[in-house]
Amino acid sequence: MDQLTLLFALLLGAVVIVPLGERLSLPPPVLMTLFGAGLALLPFVPNVEIPPEYILPLVLPPLLYSAVQRTSWREFAANLRPIVLLAVALVFVTTAAVAAVAHAVVPGLPLAGAVALGALVAPPDPVAATAVAGKLGLPRRMVSILEGEGLFNDVTAITLYHVTIAAAVSGTFSVTVASAELVLSAAVAVAVGIVLGWATARMLPLLGDATLGTGLTLLVPFASYSIAEELLGSGVLAVLVTALFLTERATDADDVIGRLTGQSFWAVVETLVTGVAFGLIGLEVHGVVVSAGGQWHTLLPAAGLVLATVILVRLLWLAPAVWLVRRLKRGGDRGEEIPIGWRETVVMWWAGMRGVASVALALAVPLTVDSGADFPARDAIVFVAFAVVLGTLVLQGLTLPWLVGRLDIGSDGTTERAQERALAIRVATACRTRVRELEAEGRISGEAAERMTHRAHEMAWWIAPELADEERREQITERLDRARELHSLRGELLSAARHAVVDARNEPGMTPEVADRVLRWLDQGSLWHRREE
């Protein structure tokens, strides 16, 4: 088996693992890691030959961009305090705790190497957290914090990692220089993210095609990451800023085809890239154990202590952090979402799984220092890092569904229904306003305006039936049943039409391009309102 065949095997595994994970109620990233580890044990499977410095630039940009599409800048801003406490403060605390423990228990590990190890295992993985939260139906307030933490903690951890690695390689360290580098990295990333986001938002309408626009959004995360890194900025932060800018400024409410195309495309990208990334984690395990040689039996207890430190520090930090945010919220409600009660706090604690970023940073530890000597205890750093990643993914990832069910935590339907009612009212208000404008312009008669106003109310009732009185709710239910029946019958007609076009496409004398165009009209439901192209 060559490298290309191995890549195809991981892609196929990613597609198969998703329905398997749903059936077993287990996170797909965890199953893909186990799948990769199983592949690595087969004698005909080669060692992975991907340069470590390519892993983050190839994997993180699309995954981060895709994750941001499910949220918004306002949601991040509303949860700023809990996210800062987890994505910034907790990263520094975890780094310090892991560094102290690793320096004491890992043979030959200098303090700078211990700090680098702490930085690379400190951030929970945003992909694993999002996948777990989405599949388990956790309350939105918990999902918001987990996503925010997972997206922004990589910024802190990766920057801290680069500073400590530079100190270990050069043998010198300056707090002033390190602080200046952190500030410069963030400033450059924000500037690159805003500029690229602005440029992309201007380009998308000019393309005038959903396919081209989706292709541009695929290139933008990689460009944002690469440009920021080239300018000594944080590539991760640049991608986040670009994605947040575009979600706020480049959304066209009437671009239905573009929105559906983009959502489908990014769902596929996220599935495949996530599968490959976590499959690579499993594949690398065999090589890491081999590299450790005869040290693995002495490194394993040390790795266990580091793993316990990572898990325990999160608990010890999370409990007072939740209390602090709750106290601050009482002083002035900013709309922050925080865990309610000890059960949600426990789930937040147990959801701190490590993943792609930790593995990529571990593999990217330099082989030598400036003096030409070997990087001290590099194999030990990589071994311990992989042990922590596997330990959190397998131990926490496989048991988190059980824990959520045991603690009886589910989505907050009350909040979602209240938001649906609020949106229904806004929909009806906007429609009524537009009807009055059309009537004032003389484009519709008073009778038509009355019918359209009634239609606006029906739209609101369909979104939130409880807004209507009991008699109207019964009428809406009957109309919805009739609408579903008509939709089913229309689907039968469209299915017959599509089969006829597909059959005709393969007949002699039929131009495939014409058949494809008609099929596209049918798929878009616009055949009845055909316009000359």
Protein backbone atom coordinates (compact mmCIF):
# COMPACT_ATOMS: atom_id res chain seq x y z
CA MET A 1 0.00 0.00 0.00
CA ASP A 2 1.36 3.41 -0.95
CA GLN A 3 0.65 6.82 0.60
CA LEU A 4 -2.10 7.72 -1.87
CA THR A 5 -3.96 4.46 -1.24
CA LEU A 6 -3.66 5.08 2.48
CA LEU A 7 -5.21 8.53 2.03
CA PHE A 8 -8.13 7.03 0.10
CA ALA A 9 -8.59 4.46 2.87
CA LEU A 10 -8.86 7.26 5.44
CA LEU A 11 -11.34 9.16 3.26
CA LEU A 12 -13.47 6.05 2.83
CA GLY A 13 -13.24 5.41 6.56
CA ALA A 14 -14.43 8.95 7.26
CA VAL A 15 -17.55 8.40 5.15
CA VAL A 16 -18.36 5.04 6.73
CA ILE A 17 -17.59 6.08 10.31
CA VAL A 18 -20.19 8.88 10.42
CA PRO A 19 -23.31 6.65 10.19
CA LEU A 20 -21.57 4.05 12.37
CA GLY A 21 -20.94 6.67 15.04
CA GLU A 22 -24.57 7.78 14.91
CA ARG A 23 -25.74 4.20 15.28
CA LEU A 24 -23.39 3.55 18.22
CA SER A 25 -23.93 7.04 19.72
CA LEU A 26 -20.17 7.61 19.69
CA PRO A 27 -18.21 10.63 18.38
CA PRO A 28 -16.86 10.00 14.84
CA PRO A 29 -13.44 11.59 15.66
CA VAL A 30 -12.89 8.98 18.36
CA LEU A 31 -13.86 6.12 16.06
CA MET A 32 -11.60 7.48 13.29
CA THR A 33 -8.68 7.58 15.73
CA LEU A 34 -9.29 3.95 16.63
CA PHE A 35 -9.65 3.11 12.93
CA GLY A 36 -6.30 4.73 12.17
CA ALA A 37 -4.65 2.91 15.06
CA GLY A 38 -6.04 -0.36 13.73
CA LEU A 39 -4.70 0.35 10.26
CA ALA A 40 -1.26 1.07 11.70
CA LEU A 41 -1.08 -2.48 13.08
CA LEU A 42 -1.47 -4.04 9.63
CA PRO A 43 1.91 -5.08 8.17
CA PHE A 44 1.18 -3.78 4.66
CA VAL A 45 0.22 -0.26 5.82
CA PRO A 46 3.17 2.14 5.42
CA ASN A 47 4.30 4.80 7.86
CA VAL A 48 2.76 8.21 7.27
CA GLU A 49 5.11 10.49 5.34
CA ILE A 50 3.51 13.90 5.80
CA PRO A 51 5.92 16.64 6.93
CA PRO A 52 4.70 17.78 10.38
CA GLU A 53 4.85 21.44 9.40
CA TYR A 54 2.16 20.79 6.75
CA ILE A 55 -0.41 19.23 9.08
CA LEU A 56 -1.73 22.40 10.72
CA PRO A 57 -1.85 24.52 7.51
CA LEU A 58 -3.70 21.76 5.65
CA VAL A 59 -6.11 20.63 8.38
CA LEU A 60 -6.94 23.53 10.68
CA PRO A 61 -8.06 26.26 8.20
CA PRO A 62 -11.01 24.36 6.66
CA LEU A 63 -12.08 22.88 10.00
CA LEU A 64 -11.98 26.24 11.78
CA TYR A 65 -13.79 27.99 8.93
CA SER A 66 -16.49 25.33 8.87
CA ALA A 67 -16.97 25.49 12.64
CA VAL A 68 -17.38 29.27 12.60
CA GLN A 69 -20.26 28.96 10.10
CA ARG A 70 -22.40 27.55 12.93
CA THR A 71 -21.94 30.57 15.17
CA SER A 72 -21.60 34.35 15.00
CA TRP A 73 -19.46 37.17 16.32
CA ARG A 74 -22.28 38.35 18.58
CA GLU A 75 -22.47 34.93 20.20
CA PHE A 76 -18.72 35.03 20.88
CA ALA A 77 -18.97 38.57 22.22
CA ALA A 78 -21.83 37.62 24.53
CA ASN A 79 -19.76 34.77 25.97
CA LEU A 80 -16.47 36.66 26.08
CA ARG A 81 -15.75 36.21 29.79
CA PRO A 82 -16.30 32.42 29.99
CA ILE A 83 -14.42 31.93 26.71
CA VAL A 84 -11.46 34.01 27.91
CA LEU A 85 -11.35 32.10 31.18
CA LEU A 86 -11.23 28.80 29.28
CA ALA A 87 -9.46 29.65 26.02
CA VAL A 88 -6.79 31.93 27.46
CA ALA A 89 -6.46 31.64 31.22
CA LEU A 90 -6.96 27.88 31.38
CA VAL A 91 -4.40 27.32 28.62
CA PHE A 92 -1.75 29.17 30.66
CA VAL A 93 -2.73 27.36 33.88
CA THR A 94 -2.69 23.94 32.19
CA THR A 95 0.65 24.71 30.54
CA ALA A 96 2.20 25.65 33.88
CA ALA A 97 0.79 22.62 35.71
CA VAL A 98 1.83 20.16 33.00
CA ALA A 99 5.28 21.74 32.76
CA ALA A 100 5.83 21.33 36.50
CA VAL A 101 4.71 17.70 36.51
CA ALA A 102 6.50 16.72 33.29
CA HIS A 103 9.76 18.37 34.37
CA ALA A 104 9.65 16.31 37.55
CA VAL A 105 8.65 12.89 36.14
CA VAL A 106 9.98 12.73 32.55
CA PRO A 107 13.68 11.77 32.55
CA GLY A 108 15.98 14.31 30.89
CA LEU A 109 13.23 16.82 30.05
CA PRO A 110 14.45 20.42 30.51
CA LEU A 111 12.12 23.15 31.72
CA ALA A 112 11.74 24.76 28.27
CA GLY A 113 10.79 21.39 26.75
CA ALA A 114 8.35 20.80 29.62
CA VAL A 115 6.68 24.15 28.97
CA ALA A 116 6.44 23.32 25.26
CA LEU A 117 4.82 19.99 26.16
CA GLY A 118 2.38 21.82 28.42
CA ALA A 119 1.48 24.28 25.68
CA LEU A 120 0.83 21.64 23.04
CA VAL A 121 -1.42 19.47 25.26
CA ALA A 122 -3.24 22.42 26.84
CA PRO A 123 -5.90 23.20 24.18
CA PRO A 124 -8.97 20.95 23.84
CA ASP A 125 -9.69 20.17 20.21
CA PRO A 126 -12.41 22.33 18.58
CA VAL A 127 -13.41 19.62 16.11
CA ALA A 128 -13.83 16.90 18.73
CA ALA A 129 -15.73 19.25 21.04
CA THR A 130 -18.08 20.40 18.28
CA ALA A 131 -18.67 16.86 17.03
CA VAL A 132 -19.45 15.58 20.51
CA ALA A 133 -21.67 18.52 21.46
CA GLY A 134 -23.62 18.34 18.22
CA LYS A 135 -24.28 14.60 18.38
CA LEU A 136 -25.29 14.54 22.06
CA GLY A 137 -27.86 17.31 21.86
CA LEU A 138 -26.35 19.40 24.64
CA PRO A 139 -27.92 22.75 25.59
CA ARG A 140 -26.94 25.58 23.28
CA ARG A 141 -25.27 27.52 26.09
CA MET A 142 -22.83 24.62 26.60
CA VAL A 143 -22.26 24.18 22.88
CA SER A 144 -21.50 27.90 22.52
CA ILE A 145 -18.84 27.84 25.22
CA LEU A 146 -17.26 24.58 24.00
CA GLU A 147 -17.08 25.91 20.43
CA GLY A 148 -15.70 29.26 21.57
CA GLU A 149 -13.12 27.63 23.80
CA GLY A 150 -12.09 25.13 21.13
CA LEU A 151 -11.73 27.79 18.44
CA PHE A 152 -9.78 30.37 20.42
CA ASN A 153 -7.63 28.22 22.72
CA ASP A 154 -5.56 27.08 19.73
CA VAL A 155 -4.56 30.72 19.21
CA THR A 156 -3.17 30.97 22.73
CA ALA A 157 -1.59 27.53 22.83
CA ILE A 158 0.07 27.64 19.41
CA THR A 159 1.55 31.08 20.05
CA LEU A 160 2.83 29.99 23.48
CA TYR A 161 4.24 26.82 21.92
CA HIS A 162 6.22 28.75 19.29
CA VAL A 163 7.66 31.07 21.95
CA THR A 164 8.80 28.19 24.17
CA ILE A 165 10.19 26.17 21.27
CA ALA A 166 12.19 29.20 20.12
CA ALA A 167 13.57 29.56 23.66
CA ALA A 168 14.50 25.88 23.81
CA VAL A 169 16.20 25.97 20.40
CA SER A 170 18.13 29.20 20.97
CA GLY A 171 18.79 28.71 24.67
CA THR A 172 17.63 32.27 25.48
CA PHE A 173 14.35 33.68 26.68
CA SER A 174 13.08 37.22 27.29
CA VAL A 175 9.70 37.96 28.82
CA THR A 176 9.62 41.34 27.08
CA VAL A 177 10.38 39.87 23.68
CA ALA A 178 7.91 37.03 24.18
CA SER A 179 5.14 39.45 25.21
CA ALA A 180 5.86 41.68 22.22
CA GLU A 181 5.70 38.66 19.92
CA LEU A 182 2.32 37.65 21.36
CA VAL A 183 0.88 41.12 20.84
CA LEU A 184 2.37 41.42 17.34
CA SER A 185 1.10 37.98 16.37
CA ALA A 186 -2.45 38.85 17.42
CA ALA A 187 -2.41 42.29 15.77
CA VAL A 188 -1.13 40.93 12.46
CA ALA A 189 -3.69 38.12 12.51
CA VAL A 190 -6.61 40.46 13.15
CA ALA A 191 -5.46 42.83 10.40
CA VAL A 192 -5.02 40.00 7.87
CA GLY A 193 -8.37 38.47 8.82
CA ILE A 194 -10.28 41.72 8.42
CA VAL A 195 -8.61 42.70 5.15
CA LEU A 196 -9.08 39.29 3.57
CA GLY A 197 -12.63 39.04 4.87
CA TRP A 198 -13.46 42.46 3.42
CA ALA A 199 -11.89 41.58 0.05
CA THR A 200 -13.74 38.27 -0.10
CA ALA A 201 -17.06 39.90 0.77
CA ARG A 202 -16.55 42.28 -2.16
CA MET A 203 -15.56 39.51 -4.57
CA LEU A 204 -18.43 37.09 -3.87
CA PRO A 205 -21.17 39.21 -5.51
CA LEU A 206 -18.96 39.82 -8.53
CA LEU A 207 -18.60 36.09 -9.21
CA GLY A 208 -22.37 35.72 -9.60
CA ASP A 209 -22.26 31.93 -9.36
CA ALA A 210 -22.83 29.66 -6.36
CA THR A 211 -20.16 27.18 -7.47
CA LEU A 212 -17.49 29.84 -7.93
CA GLY A 213 -18.44 31.50 -4.65
CA THR A 214 -18.16 28.22 -2.77
CA GLY A 215 -14.80 27.56 -4.39
CA LEU A 216 -13.59 30.97 -3.24
CA THR A 217 -14.64 30.25 0.33
CA LEU A 218 -12.57 27.06 0.19
CA LEU A 219 -9.44 28.99 -0.78
CA VAL A 220 -9.91 31.88 1.64
CA PRO A 221 -9.16 30.00 4.92
CA PHE A 222 -5.88 28.66 3.53
CA ALA A 223 -4.91 32.08 2.20
CA SER A 224 -5.73 33.75 5.52
CA TYR A 225 -3.68 31.21 7.46
CA SER A 226 -0.68 31.32 5.11
CA ILE A 227 -0.53 35.11 4.80
CA ALA A 228 -0.75 35.63 8.55
CA GLU A 229 1.95 33.04 9.24
CA GLU A 230 4.18 34.58 6.58
CA LEU A 231 3.81 37.96 8.32
CA LEU A 232 4.63 36.42 11.74
CA GLY A 233 1.02 36.47 12.83
CA SER A 234 -1.28 33.78 14.20
CA GLY A 235 -2.72 31.82 11.29
CA VAL A 236 -5.45 30.34 13.47
CA LEU A 237 -6.65 33.74 14.69
CA ALA A 238 -6.55 35.12 11.13
CA VAL A 239 -8.83 32.31 9.90
CA LEU A 240 -11.25 32.90 12.77
CA VAL A 241 -11.41 36.64 12.11
CA THR A 242 -11.91 36.10 8.36
CA ALA A 243 -14.67 33.55 8.93
CA LEU A 244 -16.45 35.70 11.52
CA PHE A 245 -16.25 38.72 9.22
CA LEU A 246 -17.80 36.79 6.35
CA THR A 247 -20.60 35.32 8.46
CA GLU A 248 -21.57 38.86 9.47
CA ARG A 249 -20.96 40.84 6.28
CA ALA A 250 -21.22 38.45 3.33
CA THR A 251 -24.63 36.90 3.96
CA ASP A 252 -27.21 37.49 1.24
CA ALA A 253 -30.65 36.46 2.53
CA ASP A 254 -31.95 35.95 -1.01
CA ASP A 255 -29.04 33.79 -2.20
CA VAL A 256 -30.85 30.51 -1.57
CA ILE A 257 -28.84 28.42 -4.04
CA GLY A 258 -25.53 29.78 -2.77
CA ARG A 259 -26.47 29.10 0.83
CA LEU A 260 -27.63 25.53 0.17
CA THR A 261 -24.59 24.82 -2.02
CA GLY A 262 -22.19 26.20 0.57
CA GLN A 263 -23.76 24.31 3.45
CA SER A 264 -23.65 21.00 1.58
CA PHE A 265 -20.11 21.59 0.37
CA TRP A 266 -18.72 22.50 3.77
CA ALA A 267 -20.49 19.57 5.41
CA VAL A 268 -18.62 17.25 3.04
CA VAL A 269 -15.30 19.05 3.57
CA GLU A 270 -15.65 18.92 7.34
CA THR A 271 -16.50 15.21 7.32
CA LEU A 272 -13.56 14.24 5.08
CA VAL A 273 -10.93 16.50 6.66
CA THR A 274 -11.97 15.51 10.18
CA GLY A 275 -11.77 11.86 9.25
CA VAL A 276 -8.31 12.19 7.72
CA ALA A 277 -7.01 14.30 10.62
CA PHE A 278 -8.09 11.93 13.36
CA GLY A 279 -7.18 8.90 11.28
CA LEU A 280 -3.64 10.30 11.06
CA ILE A 281 -3.54 10.51 14.86
CA GLY A 282 -4.22 6.80 15.07
CA LEU A 283 -1.74 5.99 12.30
CA GLU A 284 1.06 7.92 14.01
CA VAL A 285 0.71 5.98 17.26
CA HIS A 286 2.72 3.00 16.02
CA GLY A 287 5.59 5.19 14.86
CA VAL A 288 5.63 7.10 18.14
CA VAL A 289 5.88 3.90 20.18
CA VAL A 290 8.67 2.62 17.92
CA SER A 291 10.56 5.93 18.24
CA ALA A 292 10.35 5.73 22.02
CA GLY A 293 12.16 2.39 21.82
CA GLY A 294 12.89 0.81 25.17
CA GLN A 295 11.82 3.98 26.99
CA TRP A 296 8.11 3.50 26.51
CA HIS A 297 7.66 1.40 29.67
CA THR A 298 9.25 4.17 31.77
CA LEU A 299 7.49 6.97 29.86
CA LEU A 300 4.04 5.39 30.18
CA PRO A 301 3.67 6.10 33.94
CA ALA A 302 4.90 9.66 33.37
CA ALA A 303 2.39 10.06 30.55
CA GLY A 304 -0.34 8.81 32.87
CA LEU A 305 0.55 11.48 35.42
CA VAL A 306 0.51 14.19 32.76
CA LEU A 307 -2.86 12.94 31.51
CA ALA A 308 -4.25 13.00 35.05
CA THR A 309 -2.88 16.53 35.46
CA VAL A 310 -4.56 17.74 32.27
CA ILE A 311 -7.93 16.29 33.32
CA LEU A 312 -7.71 17.38 36.97
CA VAL A 313 -6.58 20.95 36.22
CA ARG A 314 -9.59 21.47 33.97
CA LEU A 315 -11.94 20.41 36.76
CA LEU A 316 -10.20 22.51 39.41
CA TRP A 317 -10.28 25.54 37.12
CA LEU A 318 -13.75 25.09 35.67
CA ALA A 319 -15.66 24.95 38.95
CA PRO A 320 -14.47 28.34 40.32
CA ALA A 321 -14.54 29.87 36.79
CA VAL A 322 -18.24 29.04 36.43
CA TRP A 323 -18.90 30.48 39.89
CA LEU A 324 -16.98 33.65 39.04
CA VAL A 325 -18.81 34.21 35.75
CA ARG A 326 -22.13 33.63 37.50
CA ARG A 327 -21.27 36.23 40.14
CA LEU A 328 -20.16 38.75 37.52
CA LYS A 329 -23.32 38.10 35.54
CA ARG A 330 -25.47 39.00 38.53
CA GLY A 331 -23.80 42.40 38.59
CA GLY A 332 -24.75 43.11 34.99
CA ASP A 333 -26.46 40.65 32.66
CA ARG A 334 -24.58 40.58 29.35
CA GLY A 335 -26.51 37.64 27.93
CA GLU A 336 -23.67 35.23 28.71
CA GLU A 337 -24.32 31.52 28.44
CA ILE A 338 -22.91 29.57 31.38
CA PRO A 339 -23.40 26.01 32.66
CA ILE A 340 -26.33 25.73 35.05
CA GLY A 341 -25.67 23.49 38.03
CA TRP A 342 -23.00 20.95 38.80
CA ARG A 343 -24.18 18.41 36.21
CA GLU A 344 -23.53 20.70 33.25
CA THR A 345 -20.22 21.73 34.80
CA VAL A 346 -19.19 18.07 35.00
CA VAL A 347 -20.05 17.54 31.33
CA MET A 348 -18.09 20.66 30.37
CA TRP A 349 -15.13 19.27 32.29
CA TRP A 350 -15.27 15.84 30.70
CA ALA A 351 -15.65 17.28 27.18
CA GLY A 352 -12.06 18.62 27.13
CA MET A 353 -10.62 16.19 24.59
CA ARG A 354 -7.33 16.89 22.83
CA GLY A 355 -6.77 16.28 19.15
CA VAL A 356 -5.30 17.51 15.87
CA ALA A 357 -3.46 20.62 17.05
CA SER A 358 -1.70 18.77 19.88
CA VAL A 359 -0.52 16.01 17.56
CA ALA A 360 0.67 18.40 14.85
CA LEU A 361 2.59 20.53 17.35
CA ALA A 362 4.17 17.46 18.94
CA LEU A 363 5.37 16.14 15.59
CA ALA A 364 6.67 19.60 14.68
CA VAL A 365 9.09 19.76 17.61
CA PRO A 366 12.53 20.37 16.00
CA LEU A 367 15.02 17.53 15.78
CA THR A 368 17.97 19.73 16.78
CA VAL A 369 18.76 23.00 18.55
CA ASP A 370 20.91 25.90 17.30
CA SER A 371 24.08 24.30 18.62
CA GLY A 372 23.49 21.24 16.44
CA ALA A 373 22.70 18.96 19.36
CA ASP A 374 19.56 16.85 19.47
CA PHE A 375 16.48 18.54 20.86
CA PRO A 376 16.41 17.35 24.48
CA ALA A 377 13.93 14.54 25.18
CA ARG A 378 12.08 15.06 21.90
CA ASP A 379 10.91 11.44 21.69
CA ALA A 380 9.62 11.69 25.25
CA ILE A 381 7.67 14.87 24.45
CA VAL A 382 6.06 13.26 21.41
CA PHE A 383 5.24 10.05 23.31
CA VAL A 384 3.64 11.86 26.25
CA ALA A 385 1.70 14.17 23.93
CA PHE A 386 0.24 11.22 22.01
CA ALA A 387 -0.61 9.46 25.23
CA VAL A 388 -2.55 12.50 26.41
CA VAL A 389 -4.37 12.86 23.09
CA LEU A 390 -5.31 9.19 22.92
CA GLY A 391 -6.18 9.09 26.60
CA THR A 392 -8.60 12.00 26.37
CA LEU A 393 -10.10 10.92 23.04
CA VAL A 394 -10.66 7.31 24.03
CA LEU A 395 -11.37 7.68 27.76
CA GLN A 396 -13.44 10.84 27.63
CA GLY A 397 -14.79 10.51 24.09
CA LEU A 398 -16.17 7.01 24.56
CA THR A 399 -17.64 7.67 28.01
CA LEU A 400 -19.05 11.18 27.44
CA PRO A 401 -22.30 9.92 25.82
CA TRP A 402 -22.87 7.66 28.82
CA LEU A 403 -22.12 10.52 31.22
CA VAL A 404 -24.54 12.88 29.45
CA GLY A 405 -27.28 10.25 29.59
CA ARG A 406 -26.51 9.41 33.19
CA LEU A 407 -26.76 13.04 34.25
CA ASP A 408 -29.89 13.49 32.12
CA ILE A 409 -28.72 16.57 30.24
CA GLY A 410 -30.47 17.53 27.04
CA SER A 411 -31.05 20.50 24.80
CA ASP A 412 -32.89 23.49 26.22
CA GLY A 413 -36.09 23.30 24.20
CA THR A 414 -37.72 26.15 26.13
CA THR A 415 -35.12 28.68 25.00
CA GLU A 416 -35.24 27.47 21.40
CA ARG A 417 -39.05 27.67 21.30
CA ALA A 418 -38.93 31.21 22.71
CA GLN A 419 -36.47 32.19 19.97
CA GLU A 420 -38.71 30.59 17.34
CA ARG A 421 -41.67 32.63 18.62
CA ALA A 422 -39.58 35.81 18.51
CA LEU A 423 -38.50 35.04 14.93
CA ALA A 424 -42.08 34.27 13.93
CA ILE A 425 -43.19 37.67 15.18
CA ARG A 426 -40.34 39.36 13.32
CA VAL A 427 -41.26 37.48 10.12
CA ALA A 428 -44.89 38.58 10.36
CA THR A 429 -43.90 42.18 11.12
CA ALA A 430 -41.48 42.34 8.19
CA CYS A 431 -44.05 40.86 5.82
CA ARG A 432 -46.80 43.25 6.93
CA THR A 433 -44.45 46.19 6.53
CA ARG A 434 -43.57 45.11 3.00
CA VAL A 435 -47.24 44.61 2.12
CA ARG A 436 -48.03 48.18 3.23
CA GLU A 437 -45.12 49.46 1.12
CA LEU A 438 -46.34 47.57 -1.95
CA GLU A 439 -49.87 48.86 -1.45
CA ALA A 440 -48.59 52.45 -1.04
CA GLU A 441 -46.61 52.09 -4.28
CA GLY A 442 -49.78 51.01 -6.08
CA ARG A 443 -48.34 47.62 -7.04
CA ILE A 444 -51.12 45.64 -5.30
CA SER A 445 -54.78 46.30 -4.58
CA GLY A 446 -56.34 46.55 -1.13
CA GLU A 447 -57.87 43.10 -1.55
CA ALA A 448 -54.50 41.59 -2.49
CA ALA A 449 -52.88 43.37 0.46
CA GLU A 450 -55.42 41.81 2.80
CA ARG A 451 -54.73 38.34 1.42
CA MET A 452 -50.97 38.84 1.66
CA THR A 453 -51.29 40.10 5.24
CA HIS A 454 -53.22 36.96 6.14
CA ARG A 455 -50.49 34.95 4.43
CA ALA A 456 -47.90 36.74 6.59
CA HIS A 457 -49.77 35.70 9.72
CA GLU A 458 -49.92 32.11 8.45
CA MET A 459 -46.15 32.11 7.93
CA ALA A 460 -45.68 33.16 11.56
CA TRP A 461 -48.14 30.52 12.76
CA TRP A 462 -46.31 27.81 10.83
CA ILE A 463 -43.05 28.80 12.51
CA ALA A 464 -44.65 29.02 15.96
CA PRO A 465 -48.15 27.48 16.01
CA GLU A 466 -48.69 28.51 19.63
CA LEU A 467 -49.05 32.13 18.47
CA ALA A 468 -52.40 31.28 16.91
CA ASP A 469 -55.60 30.60 18.87
CA GLU A 470 -56.86 27.03 19.26
CA GLU A 471 -59.24 27.15 16.29
CA ARG A 472 -56.56 28.52 14.01
CA ARG A 473 -54.04 25.96 15.27
CA GLU A 474 -56.41 23.21 14.17
CA GLN A 475 -56.79 24.87 10.78
CA ILE A 476 -53.01 25.25 10.46
CA THR A 477 -52.54 21.58 11.34
CA GLU A 478 -55.03 20.56 8.66
CA ARG A 479 -53.40 22.85 6.09
CA LEU A 480 -49.96 21.51 6.96
CA ASP A 481 -51.22 17.97 6.46
CA ARG A 482 -52.65 18.93 3.07
CA ALA A 483 -49.42 20.75 2.20
CA ARG A 484 -47.37 17.66 3.06
CA GLU A 485 -49.65 15.53 0.89
CA LEU A 486 -49.37 17.98 -2.01
CA HIS A 487 -45.61 18.14 -1.51
CA SER A 488 -45.46 14.35 -1.65
CA LEU A 489 -47.52 14.28 -4.86
CA ARG A 490 -45.38 17.03 -6.39
CA GLY A 491 -42.34 14.95 -5.44
CA GLU A 492 -43.79 12.02 -7.37
CA LEU A 493 -44.19 14.22 -10.44
CA LEU A 494 -40.69 15.62 -10.15
CA SER A 495 -39.28 12.12 -9.68
CA ALA A 496 -41.00 10.93 -12.87
CA ALA A 497 -39.71 14.01 -14.72
CA ARG A 498 -36.14 13.50 -13.49
CA HIS A 499 -36.15 9.82 -14.49
CA ALA A 500 -37.37 10.76 -17.94
CA VAL A 501 -34.60 13.33 -18.36
CA VAL A 502 -31.93 10.97 -17.04
CA ASP A 503 -33.06 8.23 -19.43
CA ALA A 504 -33.11 10.68 -22.35
CA ARG A 505 -29.60 11.87 -21.50
CA ASN A 506 -28.19 8.49 -22.52
CA GLU A 507 -30.13 8.26 -25.79
CA PRO A 508 -28.49 8.93 -29.18
CA GLY A 509 -28.87 12.47 -30.43
CA MET A 510 -29.44 14.01 -27.01
CA THR A 511 -26.87 16.60 -25.93
CA PRO A 512 -25.88 15.80 -22.32
CA GLU A 513 -25.42 19.49 -21.52
CA VAL A 514 -29.03 20.24 -22.43
CA ALA A 515 -30.31 17.33 -20.37
CA ASP A 516 -28.18 18.43 -17.41
CA ARG A 517 -29.54 21.98 -17.67
CA VAL A 518 -33.15 20.75 -17.62
CA LEU A 519 -32.35 18.43 -14.73
CA ARG A 520 -30.85 21.35 -12.84
CA TRP A 521 -34.04 23.37 -13.40
CA LEU A 522 -36.05 20.50 -11.99
CA ASP A 523 -33.75 20.16 -9.00
CA GLN A 524 -34.02 23.86 -8.22
CA GLY A 525 -37.79 23.81 -8.57
CA SER A 526 -37.62 26.68 -11.03
CA LEU A 527 -38.87 24.97 -14.17
CA TRP A 528 -42.29 26.54 -13.72
CA HIS A 529 -40.70 30.01 -13.58
CA ARG A 530 -38.13 29.46 -16.31
CA ARG A 531 -36.20 32.48 -17.45
CA GLU A 532 -34.25 32.81 -20.68
CA GLU A 533 -30.51 32.46 -20.02
